Amino acid sequence: MRILVTGGAGFIGSALVRRLVLQERAEAVLVVDKLTYAGERRSLRDCEGKPGFAFLQADIADAELMQSTMAEFRPEAVMHLAAESHVDRSIAGAAPFIHTNLVGTFSLLEAARSYWNGLDAAAKGAFRFLHISTDEVFGSLGATGYFTETTPYAPRSPYSASKAGSDHLVAAWHETYGLPTLVTNCSNNYGPYHFPEKLIPLTILNALEGKRLPVYGKGENVRDWLFVEDHVTALLTVLKGGRVGETYNVGGNAERQNIQVVRAICDSLDRLRPDPAGPRRRLIEFVADRPGHDARYAIDASKLRAELGWQPAESFETGLEKTIAWYLENGWWWQPLRERVYGGERLGLLPAGRPA
């Protein structure tokens, strides 16, 4: 296939592109990425120069450029992953999230609709627009229950609100214009090439450097963890076999409290690379909670399993071991980011005097 991947230099996007180029041998893969702070061209190092691989640094909100790019590349599928994605950064400043996640998605949908309308009947029937979203659009769960594809939307942060809006845009472009869309909502991803502001890579790198390991509140917030390679497999499964107009939840069946995740990383690093100063659990420090911190996310992925046969290959334990091993072996990738882009400082704090 000829596949246009937006956000292909990001964490999940680059994992998808590496799979498409290096394993799936897609006919042509065009990555469109703005290369903001979390977009890292080096994540695609192994794809550079490979047959069919191309890269375009561009803003998906540039409507005219997206129109011309679609027309020139002539994709058979668009896999839309470009997004501002960090909750803490959205709290500190929501504007980039509105620009990329809402305006950018609108521009991309309009470009895809214009291109799709010009295709012949066979090509129109084969074309797919797959929008990759998050479980955070559903809000916060209590101690029991799971998010399903029919769970009402209840976003609680600027990030999740912008992603909820983008989901609704994609659904509307299918219902109104007939654009053959698919939507996936995934749980928290982890794995290699993960930008070091997120919990798992931040904890790994801080622990390696003997820095404090900040845990919000009491560390009791629960997330359902999904290994990124399992997510990529799910995305390709949905692209190839998903029913047009449908939404599919993707989850790792791996609920953990944040404090459990941090302790597991400490224990694994203590075994793989002992610290002469002592066990790394000593570095854990509980800090003021994130404003509006959702208590629990948990995905019911039974629809994807029943209809398309997907299920995660990695348990949380095996995926975490692979992730930690990758960071231990690939300082070439993360060390420049720690030095130049993000050194582990606290993000998302409200200005003094403003209530959470």
Protein backbone atom coordinates (compact mmCIF):
# COMPACT_ATOMS: atom_id res chain seq x y z
CA MET A 1 0.00 0.00 0.00
CA ARG A 2 0.86 3.66 -0.30
CA ILE A 3 0.41 5.07 3.20
CA LEU A 4 0.63 8.64 4.45
CA VAL A 5 1.51 8.73 8.17
CA THR A 6 1.10 11.98 10.07
CA GLY A 7 3.14 12.34 13.24
CA GLY A 8 5.47 9.63 11.99
CA ALA A 9 8.47 11.00 13.90
CA GLY A 10 6.66 10.75 17.23
CA PHE A 11 6.66 7.82 19.63
CA ILE A 12 3.81 5.68 18.29
CA GLY A 13 4.13 7.07 14.77
CA SER A 14 7.79 6.15 14.41
CA ALA A 15 7.10 2.61 15.68
CA LEU A 16 4.40 2.32 13.01
CA VAL A 17 6.66 3.68 10.27
CA ARG A 18 9.52 1.36 11.20
CA ARG A 19 7.10 -1.58 10.98
CA LEU A 20 5.71 -0.44 7.62
CA VAL A 21 9.09 0.23 6.03
CA LEU A 22 11.31 -2.45 7.57
CA GLN A 23 8.90 -5.38 8.03
CA GLU A 24 5.71 -4.85 6.04
CA ARG A 25 7.63 -3.57 3.00
CA ALA A 26 4.90 -1.10 2.13
CA GLU A 27 5.12 0.19 -1.43
CA ALA A 28 5.50 3.79 -0.26
CA VAL A 29 5.38 5.52 3.12
CA LEU A 30 5.27 9.30 3.38
CA VAL A 31 5.81 10.70 6.87
CA VAL A 32 4.36 14.15 7.52
CA ASP A 33 5.65 15.60 10.78
CA LYS A 34 6.10 19.15 12.07
CA LEU A 35 9.10 18.06 14.18
CA THR A 36 8.01 19.90 17.30
CA TYR A 37 9.90 19.17 20.53
CA ALA A 38 8.57 15.58 20.69
CA GLY A 39 9.06 14.79 17.00
CA GLU A 40 12.45 13.15 16.57
CA ARG A 41 13.76 12.44 13.07
CA ARG A 42 16.42 10.15 14.54
CA SER A 43 13.65 7.73 15.54
CA LEU A 44 13.40 6.97 11.81
CA ARG A 45 17.14 6.47 11.32
CA ASP A 46 16.73 2.86 10.17
CA CYS A 47 14.15 3.89 7.55
CA GLU A 48 16.21 6.60 5.88
CA GLY A 49 17.21 5.62 2.35
CA LYS A 50 14.95 2.59 2.23
CA PRO A 51 12.83 2.09 -0.93
CA GLY A 52 9.55 3.99 -0.81
CA PHE A 53 10.33 5.98 2.35
CA ALA A 54 9.91 9.76 2.22
CA PHE A 55 9.72 12.51 4.84
CA LEU A 56 7.97 15.88 4.69
CA GLN A 57 8.42 18.37 7.50
CA ALA A 58 5.10 20.18 7.57
CA ASP A 59 2.25 21.38 9.76
CA ILE A 60 -0.93 19.39 9.16
CA ALA A 61 -2.88 22.59 9.81
CA ASP A 62 -1.43 24.00 6.56
CA ALA A 63 -4.53 23.25 4.51
CA GLU A 64 -3.09 24.15 1.10
CA LEU A 65 0.01 22.04 1.63
CA MET A 66 -2.02 19.06 2.81
CA GLN A 67 -4.19 19.32 -0.30
CA SER A 68 -1.18 19.32 -2.63
CA THR A 69 0.58 16.59 -0.66
CA MET A 70 -2.41 14.25 -0.97
CA ALA A 71 -2.69 14.95 -4.67
CA GLU A 72 1.00 14.34 -5.33
CA PHE A 73 1.56 11.30 -3.10
CA ARG A 74 -1.78 9.65 -3.90
CA PRO A 75 -2.12 7.54 -0.74
CA GLU A 76 -4.29 4.47 -0.44
CA ALA A 77 -4.53 5.11 3.30
CA VAL A 78 -3.93 7.93 5.75
CA MET A 79 -2.88 6.97 9.28
CA HIS A 80 -3.32 10.10 11.37
CA LEU A 81 -1.18 10.14 14.52
CA ALA A 82 -0.01 13.78 14.55
CA ALA A 83 -1.03 15.32 17.86
CA GLU A 84 0.14 17.27 20.84
CA SER A 85 -0.17 14.59 23.48
CA HIS A 86 1.16 15.53 26.92
CA VAL A 87 -1.50 16.36 29.52
CA ASP A 88 0.86 18.42 31.69
CA ARG A 89 1.86 20.61 28.74
CA SER A 90 -1.79 21.13 27.82
CA ILE A 91 -2.43 22.43 31.34
CA ALA A 92 0.41 24.91 31.02
CA GLY A 93 -0.63 26.04 27.54
CA ALA A 94 -3.57 24.70 25.53
CA ALA A 95 -3.09 26.65 22.27
CA PRO A 96 -0.81 24.14 20.48
CA PHE A 97 -3.26 21.36 21.31
CA ILE A 98 -6.17 23.24 19.75
CA HIS A 99 -4.05 24.11 16.70
CA THR A 100 -2.76 20.64 15.91
CA ASN A 101 -5.40 18.32 17.31
CA LEU A 102 -8.45 20.25 16.13
CA VAL A 103 -7.45 22.63 13.33
CA GLY A 104 -4.87 20.16 12.02
CA THR A 105 -7.32 17.27 11.96
CA PHE A 106 -9.89 19.44 10.19
CA SER A 107 -7.36 20.46 7.52
CA LEU A 108 -6.29 16.87 7.01
CA LEU A 109 -9.87 15.62 6.74
CA GLU A 110 -10.68 18.27 4.14
CA ALA A 111 -7.56 17.39 2.16
CA ALA A 112 -8.44 13.70 2.32
CA ARG A 113 -12.05 14.39 1.29
CA SER A 114 -10.99 16.45 -1.71
CA TYR A 115 -8.50 13.80 -2.81
CA TRP A 116 -10.91 10.91 -2.19
CA ASN A 117 -13.68 12.56 -4.19
CA GLY A 118 -11.40 12.59 -7.22
CA LEU A 119 -10.66 8.85 -7.16
CA ASP A 120 -12.30 6.25 -9.36
CA ALA A 121 -14.85 3.93 -7.83
CA ALA A 122 -12.42 1.10 -7.00
CA ALA A 123 -9.87 3.41 -5.40
CA LYS A 124 -12.58 5.21 -3.44
CA GLY A 125 -13.80 1.89 -2.06
CA ALA A 126 -10.30 0.85 -0.98
CA PHE A 127 -9.23 4.15 0.60
CA ARG A 128 -9.08 4.41 4.40
CA PHE A 129 -8.55 7.29 6.85
CA LEU A 130 -7.50 5.84 10.22
CA HIS A 131 -7.54 8.32 13.10
CA ILE A 132 -5.53 7.26 16.17
CA SER A 133 -6.88 8.61 19.45
CA THR A 134 -6.77 8.00 23.20
CA ASP A 135 -8.85 6.53 26.01
CA GLU A 136 -8.52 9.86 27.84
CA VAL A 137 -11.48 11.20 25.84
CA PHE A 138 -13.73 9.04 28.05
CA GLY A 139 -12.75 10.78 31.28
CA SER A 140 -12.13 8.99 34.56
CA LEU A 141 -13.29 5.59 35.79
CA GLY A 142 -14.01 4.55 39.35
CA ALA A 143 -12.58 1.43 40.94
CA THR A 144 -14.50 -0.87 38.58
CA GLY A 145 -15.67 -0.92 34.98
CA TYR A 146 -14.06 -0.42 31.58
CA PHE A 147 -14.18 2.01 28.68
CA THR A 148 -16.01 0.56 25.69
CA GLU A 149 -16.59 2.00 22.24
CA THR A 150 -19.96 3.32 23.41
CA THR A 151 -18.76 4.99 26.62
CA PRO A 152 -19.90 8.65 26.61
CA TYR A 153 -17.14 11.18 26.10
CA ALA A 154 -16.16 13.16 29.21
CA PRO A 155 -12.72 14.74 28.63
CA ARG A 156 -11.19 16.46 31.66
CA SER A 157 -8.00 18.14 30.39
CA PRO A 158 -7.25 20.48 27.47
CA TYR A 159 -5.41 17.58 25.82
CA SER A 160 -8.25 15.08 26.11
CA ALA A 161 -10.81 17.72 25.11
CA SER A 162 -8.87 18.47 21.93
CA LYS A 163 -8.61 14.77 21.11
CA ALA A 164 -12.32 14.27 21.80
CA GLY A 165 -13.04 17.09 19.36
CA SER A 166 -10.85 15.49 16.71
CA ASP A 167 -12.66 12.16 17.16
CA HIS A 168 -15.98 13.90 16.61
CA LEU A 169 -14.69 15.63 13.49
CA VAL A 170 -13.60 12.30 12.00
CA ALA A 171 -16.97 10.72 12.77
CA ALA A 172 -18.79 13.69 11.25
CA TRP A 173 -16.75 13.57 8.03
CA HIS A 174 -17.77 9.95 7.64
CA GLU A 175 -21.46 10.51 8.38
CA THR A 176 -21.78 13.74 6.42
CA TYR A 177 -19.46 13.23 3.47
CA GLY A 178 -19.03 9.46 3.33
CA LEU A 179 -15.27 9.58 3.87
CA PRO A 180 -14.24 5.99 4.76
CA THR A 181 -12.86 6.55 8.25
CA LEU A 182 -11.82 4.36 11.17
CA VAL A 183 -11.04 5.45 14.73
CA THR A 184 -8.99 3.73 17.43
CA ASN A 185 -8.81 4.77 21.08
CA CYS A 186 -5.83 3.32 22.89
CA SER A 187 -4.65 3.04 26.48
CA ASN A 188 -1.28 4.35 27.72
CA ASN A 189 1.56 3.29 25.44
CA TYR A 190 5.13 2.55 26.49
CA GLY A 191 8.23 1.17 24.80
CA PRO A 192 11.40 2.24 22.94
CA TYR A 193 11.78 5.78 21.55
CA HIS A 194 9.31 7.23 24.08
CA PHE A 195 9.94 10.95 24.69
CA PRO A 196 11.35 11.30 28.23
CA GLU A 197 8.62 13.53 29.67
CA LYS A 198 6.23 10.58 30.09
CA LEU A 199 6.12 8.47 33.27
CA ILE A 200 7.98 5.33 32.23
CA PRO A 201 10.92 6.85 30.30
CA LEU A 202 11.21 9.71 32.81
CA THR A 203 11.42 7.23 35.67
CA ILE A 204 13.96 5.05 33.86
CA LEU A 205 16.27 7.94 33.01
CA ASN A 206 15.97 9.73 36.35
CA ALA A 207 16.68 6.46 38.14
CA LEU A 208 19.75 5.84 35.99
CA GLU A 209 21.05 9.29 36.86
CA GLY A 210 20.24 9.04 40.57
CA LYS A 211 17.65 11.81 40.38
CA ARG A 212 14.40 11.97 42.32
CA LEU A 213 11.47 10.00 40.95
CA PRO A 214 8.39 12.24 41.24
CA VAL A 215 5.06 10.46 41.72
CA TYR A 216 1.85 12.49 41.65
CA GLY A 217 -0.32 12.43 44.77
CA LYS A 218 -0.14 9.03 46.45
CA GLY A 219 0.65 7.19 43.21
CA GLU A 220 -2.74 5.48 43.26
CA ASN A 221 -3.91 6.59 39.80
CA VAL A 222 -4.38 3.58 37.53
CA ARG A 223 -3.50 3.23 33.86
CA ASP A 224 -3.90 0.34 31.42
CA TRP A 225 -0.47 -0.10 29.80
CA LEU A 226 -0.03 -1.09 26.15
CA PHE A 227 3.34 -2.01 24.62
CA VAL A 228 3.83 0.15 21.55
CA GLU A 229 4.59 -2.75 19.19
CA ASP A 230 1.32 -4.40 20.20
CA HIS A 231 -0.43 -1.11 19.41
CA VAL A 232 1.17 -0.98 15.97
CA THR A 233 -0.06 -4.50 15.26
CA ALA A 234 -3.55 -3.43 16.30
CA LEU A 235 -3.47 -0.38 14.03
CA LEU A 236 -2.47 -2.41 11.00
CA THR A 237 -5.12 -4.99 11.87
CA VAL A 238 -7.81 -2.29 11.99
CA LEU A 239 -6.55 -0.65 8.79
CA LYS A 240 -6.74 -3.93 6.88
CA GLY A 241 -9.91 -5.41 8.34
CA GLY A 242 -11.85 -2.82 10.33
CA ARG A 243 -15.39 -1.90 9.34
CA VAL A 244 -15.65 1.58 7.85
CA GLY A 245 -17.15 4.11 10.24
CA GLU A 246 -16.37 2.00 13.31
CA THR A 247 -14.34 2.72 16.42
CA TYR A 248 -12.08 0.12 18.03
CA ASN A 249 -10.60 0.28 21.52
CA VAL A 250 -7.01 -0.93 21.95
CA GLY A 251 -5.81 -1.88 25.43
CA GLY A 252 -3.00 -3.90 26.95
CA ASN A 253 -4.94 -5.68 29.70
CA ALA A 254 -2.32 -4.39 32.11
CA GLU A 255 -3.78 -2.12 34.78
CA ARG A 256 -1.21 -0.78 37.23
CA GLN A 257 -1.12 1.99 39.79
CA ASN A 258 1.52 4.59 38.97
CA ILE A 259 3.43 3.73 42.13
CA GLN A 260 3.51 0.07 41.07
CA VAL A 261 5.00 1.08 37.72
CA VAL A 262 7.68 3.21 39.34
CA ARG A 263 8.62 0.51 41.84
CA ALA A 264 8.81 -2.11 39.09
CA ILE A 265 11.22 0.08 37.13
CA CYS A 266 13.36 0.62 40.24
CA ASP A 267 13.53 -3.10 40.97
CA SER A 268 14.36 -4.01 37.37
CA LEU A 269 17.15 -1.43 37.14
CA ASP A 270 18.54 -2.56 40.48
CA ARG A 271 18.89 -6.03 38.97
CA LEU A 272 20.18 -4.97 35.54
CA ARG A 273 22.41 -2.07 36.57
CA PRO A 274 22.86 -1.85 40.36
CA ASP A 275 23.40 1.57 41.93
CA PRO A 276 26.28 1.64 44.48
CA ALA A 277 24.27 4.20 46.46
CA GLY A 278 21.52 1.65 47.17
CA PRO A 279 18.09 0.49 45.94
CA ARG A 280 16.45 3.01 43.67
CA ARG A 281 13.15 3.00 45.55
CA ARG A 282 14.91 5.48 47.86
CA LEU A 283 14.58 8.07 45.06
CA ILE A 284 10.74 8.00 45.00
CA GLU A 285 9.22 11.32 46.03
CA PHE A 286 5.49 12.03 46.20
CA VAL A 287 4.63 15.47 44.78
CA ALA A 288 1.53 17.65 44.45
CA ASP A 289 -0.99 15.96 42.19
CA ARG A 290 -1.71 17.06 38.63
CA PRO A 291 -4.78 19.34 38.37
CA GLY A 292 -7.81 17.27 37.36
CA HIS A 293 -5.82 14.02 37.46
CA ASP A 294 -8.06 11.19 36.20
CA ALA A 295 -8.27 8.37 38.75
CA ARG A 296 -8.35 5.33 36.50
CA TYR A 297 -8.36 4.28 32.85
CA ALA A 298 -9.12 0.74 31.71
CA ILE A 299 -9.91 -0.42 28.19
CA ASP A 300 -12.29 -3.14 27.07
CA ALA A 301 -10.76 -4.30 23.77
CA SER A 302 -13.12 -7.23 23.29
CA LYS A 303 -14.59 -5.80 20.07
CA LEU A 304 -11.16 -5.72 18.42
CA ARG A 305 -10.43 -9.22 19.70
CA ALA A 306 -13.77 -10.68 18.61
CA GLU A 307 -14.00 -9.04 15.18
CA LEU A 308 -10.37 -8.99 14.07
CA GLY A 309 -8.55 -11.46 16.32
CA TRP A 310 -6.08 -9.01 17.87
CA GLN A 311 -4.72 -9.33 21.36
CA PRO A 312 -1.51 -8.01 22.95
CA ALA A 313 1.54 -10.25 22.68
CA GLU A 314 3.38 -8.66 25.61
CA SER A 315 2.50 -8.70 29.28
CA PHE A 316 3.36 -5.57 31.24
CA GLU A 317 6.33 -7.39 32.77
CA THR A 318 7.84 -8.55 29.46
CA GLY A 319 7.16 -5.24 27.75
CA LEU A 320 8.72 -3.26 30.58
CA GLU A 321 11.84 -5.45 30.55
CA LYS A 322 12.23 -4.84 26.80
CA THR A 323 11.69 -1.12 27.29
CA ILE A 324 14.26 -0.77 30.07
CA ALA A 325 16.79 -2.84 28.11
CA TRP A 326 16.33 -0.55 25.11
CA TYR A 327 17.01 2.60 27.16
CA LEU A 328 20.10 1.00 28.69
CA GLU A 329 21.45 0.23 25.23
CA ASN A 330 20.45 3.37 23.31
CA GLY A 331 21.84 6.43 25.03
CA TRP A 332 22.60 7.82 21.56
CA TRP A 333 18.88 8.54 21.21
CA TRP A 334 17.83 9.84 24.64
CA GLN A 335 20.93 11.62 25.93
CA PRO A 336 20.70 14.53 23.43
CA LEU A 337 17.02 14.96 24.32
CA ARG A 338 17.82 15.13 28.03
CA GLU A 339 20.52 17.70 27.35
CA ARG A 340 18.83 19.89 24.75
CA VAL A 341 15.05 19.47 24.95
CA TYR A 342 13.76 18.16 28.26
CA GLY A 343 15.82 17.44 31.35
CA GLY A 344 13.11 16.09 33.63
CA GLU A 345 11.68 19.29 35.14
CA ARG A 346 8.10 19.39 36.47
CA LEU A 347 5.52 20.44 33.88
CA GLY A 348 1.87 21.44 34.08
CA LEU A 349 1.89 23.47 37.29
CA LEU A 350 -0.77 26.15 37.56
CA PRO A 351 0.44 29.71 38.29
CA ALA A 352 0.62 30.53 41.98
CA GLY A 353 -2.71 31.52 43.49
CA ARG A 354 -4.84 29.74 40.88
CA PRO A 355 -6.99 26.86 42.17
CA ALA A 356 -6.68 23.41 40.66
